[in-house]
Amino acid sequence: MAKNGYICAKLNSLMTLTSTNSATKLRVSQMAENLIGSEIIRIAAEINELMKQGQKVYNLTIGDFDSNIFPIPGFLKEEIKVALDNNQTNYPVANGMLELRAAVAHFLQRVQGVTFDNEEILISAGARPLIYSLYMAVIDPGDAVIFPTPSWNNNHYCHLSGARPIMIETRAENNFMPTADEIRPHIQEATLLALCSPLNPTGTTFTKEGLEAICDLVVEENNRRGPDQKPLYLMYDQIYWALTYGETKHYDPISLRPELRDYTIFIDGLSKTFAATGVRVGWAFGSKYIIDKMKSILTHVGAWAPKAEQIATAKFLKNDGEVDTYLETFKDQWLF
């Protein structure tokens, strides 16, 4: 018995040594080796753990909602159930169900006053795959991306795509929004300008004059560039825009400067406007040429929104009364 025990102990020791040695030989890409997880998601997980332990926490970390206080629209919930009952659980089309893209186009035209057709809209599982696919579609390793700090995760998307980040440190006197004067010294070296309004995490927004000045910079820069150069693209993340209220107005680049239409890609979705962070339906819209490239990238990622949720969202966004009633109620609850 002692001998057998000795043999087992030696085998265990050898297996441990072998495992340790093989682990030290493992190598990954430089991108993966130096990638860190999203800081805001890590902090949110820590906060959620404290809340599970019974501590009273006002959680303002990740832009999520307590679904017991702010549930998703009842109409949307019921339509998701109907779609599931009808076994709508197979693959959707790669760029999003046609009826959903048409409903998004209807919603954008009615509520925001911008017009895009079905082929200029891309659906995915929330906004993140859309941001990732835009970076991968327009950025070559070493290209520069301008974005404000603080901002949400642009540093990580730069890392994933091999971009060179140019960070504009915002100031309280400018409402923590980047200004044209701050961007101007870097504009000629950039491939992408990443803007967000209302800005995550500050909640502040561009003034009309402030955004116009930045738009004029982008127009001027694209007029300067030759035909063999990539243009300067503008990512406009407006996922919180429909929650603006009171004297705060939402402005967007192409409404202010229509000549930016070919160069601007909008990021938007259900997550914030309809308290539907876990439903995972997001949309991008802009130049069909760029949208098609983003779609091709996402076909290899498989980041489509679930089919049942797409069908339900299409019905919801076409129901103007349900949309308006929910938004009015949502804003009243926040104001209270």
Protein backbone atom coordinates (compact mmCIF):
# COMPACT_ATOMS: atom_id res chain seq x y z
CA MET A 1 0.00 0.00 0.00
CA ALA A 2 2.84 2.35 0.89
CA LYS A 3 4.53 1.55 -2.40
CA ASN A 4 1.35 2.24 -4.36
CA GLY A 5 0.90 5.47 -2.45
CA TYR A 6 4.45 6.49 -3.30
CA ILE A 7 3.86 5.74 -7.00
CA CYS A 8 0.63 7.76 -7.01
CA ALA A 9 2.36 10.68 -5.32
CA LYS A 10 5.17 10.61 -7.89
CA LEU A 11 2.66 10.48 -10.77
CA ASN A 12 0.74 13.44 -9.35
CA SER A 13 3.98 15.37 -8.94
CA LEU A 14 4.98 14.58 -12.53
CA MET A 15 1.57 15.60 -13.87
CA THR A 16 1.73 18.88 -11.96
CA LEU A 17 5.23 19.57 -13.27
CA THR A 18 4.20 18.72 -16.84
CA SER A 19 1.13 20.94 -16.58
CA THR A 20 3.18 23.82 -15.20
CA ASN A 21 5.83 23.44 -17.88
CA SER A 22 3.27 23.34 -20.71
CA ALA A 23 1.51 26.41 -19.31
CA THR A 24 4.73 28.38 -19.33
CA LYS A 25 5.11 27.57 -23.04
CA LEU A 26 1.70 28.90 -23.98
CA ARG A 27 1.73 31.98 -26.17
CA VAL A 28 -1.06 34.17 -27.52
CA SER A 29 -1.22 37.15 -29.85
CA GLN A 30 0.20 40.43 -28.64
CA MET A 31 -3.29 41.88 -28.93
CA ALA A 32 -4.76 39.25 -26.58
CA GLU A 33 -1.75 39.30 -24.26
CA ASN A 34 -2.18 43.02 -23.59
CA LEU A 35 -5.97 43.21 -23.75
CA ILE A 36 -7.80 43.90 -20.50
CA GLY A 37 -11.49 43.51 -19.89
CA SER A 38 -13.87 46.45 -19.83
CA GLU A 39 -13.28 48.41 -16.64
CA ILE A 40 -16.89 49.53 -16.37
CA ILE A 41 -18.17 45.95 -16.62
CA ARG A 42 -15.70 44.88 -13.90
CA ILE A 43 -16.85 47.70 -11.63
CA ALA A 44 -20.51 46.89 -12.33
CA ALA A 45 -19.91 43.24 -11.35
CA GLU A 46 -18.37 44.38 -8.07
CA ILE A 47 -21.33 46.66 -7.38
CA ASN A 48 -23.81 43.88 -8.17
CA GLU A 49 -22.04 41.61 -5.69
CA LEU A 50 -22.34 44.26 -2.97
CA MET A 51 -26.04 44.59 -3.74
CA LYS A 52 -26.50 40.82 -3.49
CA GLN A 53 -24.97 41.04 -0.03
CA GLY A 54 -27.73 43.43 0.98
CA GLN A 55 -25.85 46.71 0.80
CA LYS A 56 -27.84 49.72 -0.39
CA VAL A 57 -26.14 50.99 -3.53
CA TYR A 58 -27.28 53.56 -6.08
CA ASN A 59 -25.82 51.86 -9.14
CA LEU A 60 -24.79 54.43 -11.75
CA THR A 61 -21.99 52.37 -13.27
CA ILE A 62 -22.97 50.68 -16.51
CA GLY A 63 -26.03 52.43 -17.90
CA ASP A 64 -28.25 49.51 -16.97
CA PHE A 65 -31.70 49.76 -15.43
CA ASP A 66 -33.40 47.99 -12.57
CA SER A 67 -36.00 46.14 -14.61
CA ASN A 68 -38.34 46.00 -11.62
CA ILE A 69 -38.48 49.80 -11.64
CA PHE A 70 -38.03 50.43 -15.38
CA PRO A 71 -39.38 47.39 -17.24
CA ILE A 72 -39.24 47.19 -21.01
CA PRO A 73 -42.40 48.31 -22.85
CA GLY A 74 -45.27 45.91 -22.15
CA PHE A 75 -46.16 45.77 -25.83
CA LEU A 76 -42.59 44.74 -26.70
CA LYS A 77 -42.53 42.07 -24.01
CA GLU A 78 -45.79 40.53 -25.22
CA GLU A 79 -44.64 40.53 -28.85
CA ILE A 80 -41.41 38.74 -27.87
CA LYS A 81 -43.53 36.07 -26.18
CA VAL A 82 -45.72 35.77 -29.29
CA ALA A 83 -42.69 35.38 -31.53
CA LEU A 84 -41.24 32.69 -29.27
CA ASP A 85 -44.60 30.89 -29.15
CA ASN A 86 -44.53 30.94 -32.95
CA ASN A 87 -41.09 29.26 -32.87
CA GLN A 88 -39.25 32.22 -34.37
CA THR A 89 -35.94 30.94 -33.02
CA ASN A 90 -33.84 30.18 -36.09
CA TYR A 91 -31.20 32.37 -37.74
CA PRO A 92 -32.28 35.86 -38.84
CA VAL A 93 -30.83 37.36 -42.01
CA ALA A 94 -27.32 38.74 -41.64
CA ASN A 95 -28.11 42.45 -41.73
CA GLY A 96 -31.34 42.18 -39.73
CA MET A 97 -34.93 41.26 -40.54
CA LEU A 98 -36.29 43.42 -43.35
CA GLU A 99 -39.36 44.37 -41.31
CA LEU A 100 -37.13 45.56 -38.47
CA ARG A 101 -34.89 47.65 -40.72
CA ALA A 102 -38.02 49.23 -42.20
CA ALA A 103 -39.37 49.91 -38.71
CA VAL A 104 -36.07 51.50 -37.64
CA ALA A 105 -36.19 53.71 -40.74
CA HIS A 106 -39.74 54.72 -39.80
CA PHE A 107 -38.74 55.49 -36.20
CA LEU A 108 -35.70 57.55 -37.23
CA GLN A 109 -37.67 59.61 -39.73
CA ARG A 110 -40.59 60.21 -37.38
CA VAL A 111 -38.73 60.91 -34.13
CA GLN A 112 -35.31 62.18 -35.20
CA GLY A 113 -36.18 63.58 -38.62
CA VAL A 114 -33.45 61.74 -40.56
CA THR A 115 -34.15 59.53 -43.57
CA PHE A 116 -32.34 56.26 -44.31
CA ASP A 117 -33.49 53.33 -46.40
CA ASN A 118 -33.48 49.66 -45.45
CA GLU A 119 -30.09 48.98 -47.05
CA GLU A 120 -28.43 51.75 -45.03
CA ILE A 121 -29.37 50.12 -41.71
CA LEU A 122 -27.61 47.23 -39.96
CA ILE A 123 -29.00 45.28 -37.00
CA SER A 124 -26.90 43.50 -34.38
CA ALA A 125 -26.99 42.23 -30.80
CA GLY A 126 -26.75 45.65 -29.23
CA ALA A 127 -24.37 48.50 -30.02
CA ARG A 128 -21.02 46.89 -29.18
CA PRO A 129 -20.74 44.60 -32.23
CA LEU A 130 -21.61 47.58 -34.40
CA ILE A 131 -18.84 49.71 -32.90
CA TYR A 132 -16.39 46.83 -33.24
CA SER A 133 -17.34 46.18 -36.86
CA LEU A 134 -17.04 49.88 -37.73
CA TYR A 135 -13.54 50.04 -36.29
CA MET A 136 -12.57 46.89 -38.19
CA ALA A 137 -14.15 48.20 -41.40
CA VAL A 138 -12.35 51.54 -41.58
CA ILE A 139 -9.18 51.16 -39.48
CA ASP A 140 -5.85 49.73 -40.61
CA PRO A 141 -3.24 49.05 -37.92
CA GLY A 142 -1.54 52.33 -37.06
CA ASP A 143 -4.43 54.54 -38.18
CA ALA A 144 -5.32 57.23 -35.66
CA VAL A 145 -8.66 57.52 -33.87
CA ILE A 146 -9.65 60.70 -32.04
CA PHE A 147 -12.00 60.39 -29.09
CA PRO A 148 -12.73 62.32 -25.88
CA THR A 149 -11.91 61.17 -22.38
CA PRO A 150 -13.71 60.16 -20.37
CA SER A 151 -15.48 57.97 -22.90
CA TRP A 152 -16.80 54.48 -23.17
CA ASN A 153 -14.37 51.77 -24.32
CA ASN A 154 -12.88 53.54 -27.35
CA ASN A 155 -9.44 52.77 -25.95
CA HIS A 156 -10.25 49.05 -26.08
CA TYR A 157 -11.62 49.22 -29.63
CA CYS A 158 -8.39 50.94 -30.63
CA HIS A 159 -6.47 48.07 -29.08
CA LEU A 160 -8.58 45.44 -30.84
CA SER A 161 -8.19 47.11 -34.23
CA GLY A 162 -4.57 48.19 -33.87
CA ALA A 163 -5.49 51.86 -34.02
CA ARG A 164 -3.40 54.63 -32.51
CA PRO A 165 -5.55 56.48 -29.96
CA ILE A 166 -5.58 60.26 -29.79
CA MET A 167 -7.38 61.14 -26.59
CA ILE A 168 -8.89 64.58 -26.05
CA GLU A 169 -9.08 65.27 -22.32
CA THR A 170 -12.33 67.13 -21.80
CA ARG A 171 -12.86 69.95 -19.31
CA ALA A 172 -15.65 70.94 -16.97
CA GLU A 173 -15.91 74.42 -18.50
CA ASN A 174 -16.88 72.76 -21.81
CA ASN A 175 -19.42 70.49 -20.13
CA PHE A 176 -16.98 67.59 -20.61
CA MET A 177 -17.58 67.62 -24.37
CA PRO A 178 -14.70 67.85 -26.89
CA THR A 179 -14.39 71.08 -28.83
CA ALA A 180 -13.35 71.86 -32.38
CA ASP A 181 -10.30 73.74 -31.09
CA GLU A 182 -9.16 70.68 -29.15
CA ILE A 183 -9.66 68.36 -32.13
CA ARG A 184 -8.16 70.64 -34.80
CA PRO A 185 -4.44 69.95 -34.13
CA HIS A 186 -4.98 66.22 -34.69
CA ILE A 187 -7.52 66.17 -37.50
CA GLN A 188 -5.15 65.65 -40.42
CA GLU A 189 -3.65 62.46 -39.00
CA ALA A 190 -6.92 60.75 -38.07
CA THR A 191 -9.01 58.13 -39.87
CA LEU A 192 -11.89 58.07 -37.41
CA LEU A 193 -13.41 60.64 -35.09
CA ALA A 194 -15.48 58.88 -32.41
CA LEU A 195 -18.11 61.09 -30.81
CA CYS A 196 -20.92 60.30 -28.39
CA SER A 197 -23.87 62.50 -27.40
CA PRO A 198 -25.28 62.27 -24.80
CA LEU A 199 -21.80 61.29 -23.69
CA ASN A 200 -21.20 58.12 -21.74
CA PRO A 201 -20.27 58.45 -18.86
CA THR A 202 -20.92 62.17 -18.21
CA GLY A 203 -24.45 62.42 -19.61
CA THR A 204 -23.62 65.78 -21.19
CA THR A 205 -24.51 66.75 -24.75
CA PHE A 206 -23.22 68.82 -27.64
CA THR A 207 -24.60 72.27 -28.15
CA LYS A 208 -25.71 73.04 -31.69
CA GLU A 209 -22.84 75.48 -32.15
CA GLY A 210 -20.28 73.10 -30.67
CA LEU A 211 -21.25 70.23 -32.94
CA GLU A 212 -21.47 72.49 -35.99
CA ALA A 213 -17.89 73.63 -35.43
CA ILE A 214 -16.67 70.01 -35.26
CA CYS A 215 -18.69 69.08 -38.35
CA ASP A 216 -17.13 71.97 -40.26
CA LEU A 217 -13.70 70.60 -39.33
CA VAL A 218 -14.59 67.17 -40.75
CA VAL A 219 -16.02 68.66 -43.95
CA GLU A 220 -12.93 70.82 -44.42
CA GLU A 221 -10.58 67.89 -43.81
CA ASN A 222 -12.37 65.60 -46.26
CA ASN A 223 -12.30 68.33 -48.89
CA ARG A 224 -8.54 68.62 -48.33
CA ARG A 225 -7.81 64.90 -48.76
CA GLY A 226 -6.96 63.49 -52.15
CA PRO A 227 -8.76 60.63 -53.92
CA ASP A 228 -6.10 58.12 -52.87
CA GLN A 229 -6.54 58.86 -49.17
CA LYS A 230 -9.10 57.33 -46.87
CA PRO A 231 -11.58 59.96 -45.77
CA LEU A 232 -12.03 61.00 -42.18
CA TYR A 233 -14.98 59.00 -40.88
CA LEU A 234 -17.23 60.09 -38.04
CA MET A 235 -18.77 57.60 -35.61
CA TYR A 236 -21.72 59.19 -33.83
CA ASP A 237 -22.88 57.12 -30.87
CA GLN A 238 -26.31 58.43 -29.89
CA ILE A 239 -27.63 55.46 -27.93
CA TYR A 240 -28.99 57.75 -25.16
CA TRP A 241 -30.39 60.45 -27.44
CA ALA A 242 -34.12 59.82 -27.04
CA LEU A 243 -33.83 60.23 -23.26
CA THR A 244 -33.00 63.94 -23.56
CA TYR A 245 -35.69 66.20 -22.14
CA GLY A 246 -36.49 69.74 -21.07
CA GLU A 247 -34.21 72.37 -22.57
CA THR A 248 -31.65 69.77 -23.69
CA LYS A 249 -31.91 69.16 -27.43
CA HIS A 250 -30.24 66.40 -29.41
CA TYR A 251 -28.29 67.39 -32.51
CA ASP A 252 -26.72 65.12 -35.09
CA PRO A 253 -24.03 65.72 -37.73
CA ILE A 254 -25.97 65.10 -40.94
CA SER A 255 -28.93 67.26 -39.95
CA LEU A 256 -26.49 70.11 -39.35
CA ARG A 257 -24.20 69.36 -42.30
CA PRO A 258 -25.84 67.10 -44.94
CA GLU A 259 -22.52 66.80 -46.80
CA LEU A 260 -21.32 64.54 -43.97
CA ARG A 261 -23.83 61.83 -44.83
CA ASP A 262 -21.32 59.64 -46.72
CA TYR A 263 -18.81 59.80 -43.87
CA THR A 264 -20.99 59.38 -40.77
CA ILE A 265 -22.04 56.11 -39.16
CA PHE A 266 -24.59 56.33 -36.35
CA ILE A 267 -24.73 53.85 -33.46
CA ASP A 268 -28.11 53.41 -31.78
CA GLY A 269 -30.52 50.80 -30.41
CA LEU A 270 -33.14 49.74 -27.89
CA SER A 271 -30.84 49.41 -24.89
CA LYS A 272 -31.10 52.81 -23.23
CA THR A 273 -34.11 54.45 -24.86
CA PHE A 274 -36.42 51.57 -23.96
CA ALA A 275 -34.61 50.20 -20.86
CA ALA A 276 -33.92 47.04 -22.86
CA THR A 277 -30.23 46.43 -22.19
CA GLY A 278 -30.71 42.65 -22.08
CA VAL A 279 -32.96 42.39 -25.12
CA ARG A 280 -29.91 43.01 -27.34
CA VAL A 281 -31.25 44.83 -30.39
CA GLY A 282 -29.02 47.57 -31.77
CA TRP A 283 -28.77 49.33 -35.11
CA ALA A 284 -26.22 51.30 -37.08
CA PHE A 285 -27.11 53.51 -40.03
CA GLY A 286 -25.12 55.45 -42.58
CA SER A 287 -23.37 55.03 -45.92
CA LYS A 288 -24.45 51.76 -47.57
CA TYR A 289 -20.85 51.11 -48.63
CA ILE A 290 -19.61 51.15 -45.01
CA ILE A 291 -22.72 49.39 -43.68
CA ASP A 292 -22.13 46.54 -46.16
CA LYS A 293 -18.53 46.15 -44.97
CA MET A 294 -19.68 46.09 -41.35
CA LYS A 295 -22.30 43.47 -42.24
CA SER A 296 -19.65 41.26 -43.84
CA ILE A 297 -17.52 41.44 -40.72
CA LEU A 298 -20.45 40.58 -38.45
CA THR A 299 -21.37 37.54 -40.56
CA HIS A 300 -18.13 35.99 -39.29
CA VAL A 301 -18.83 37.03 -35.70
CA GLY A 302 -22.45 35.87 -35.59
CA ALA A 303 -23.48 38.86 -33.50
CA TRP A 304 -27.04 39.12 -34.74
CA ALA A 305 -29.93 40.05 -32.48
CA PRO A 306 -32.24 37.08 -31.69
CA LYS A 307 -34.95 36.62 -34.29
CA ALA A 308 -37.88 36.75 -31.86
CA GLU A 309 -36.65 40.05 -30.44
CA GLN A 310 -36.18 41.46 -33.94
CA ILE A 311 -39.72 40.59 -34.97
CA ALA A 312 -41.13 42.04 -31.74
CA THR A 313 -39.05 45.23 -32.02
CA ALA A 314 -40.26 45.77 -35.59
CA LYS A 315 -43.88 45.66 -34.43
CA PHE A 316 -43.14 47.93 -31.49
CA LEU A 317 -41.28 50.64 -33.44
CA LYS A 318 -44.10 50.82 -36.00
CA ASN A 319 -46.65 51.37 -33.22
CA ASP A 320 -46.25 55.12 -32.76
CA GLY A 321 -48.66 55.33 -29.85
CA GLU A 322 -46.88 52.64 -27.81
CA VAL A 323 -43.48 54.23 -28.48
CA ASP A 324 -44.59 57.73 -27.52
CA THR A 325 -46.45 56.61 -24.41
CA TYR A 326 -43.45 54.65 -23.16
CA LEU A 327 -40.99 57.48 -23.71
CA GLU A 328 -43.25 60.01 -22.00
CA THR A 329 -43.72 57.72 -19.01
CA PHE A 330 -40.03 56.85 -18.85
CA LYS A 331 -38.96 60.49 -18.77
CA ASP A 332 -41.59 61.37 -16.18
CA GLN A 333 -40.25 58.61 -13.90
CA TRP A 334 -36.68 59.86 -14.29
CA LEU A 335 -37.73 63.44 -13.61
CA PHE A 336 -39.59 62.31 -10.48
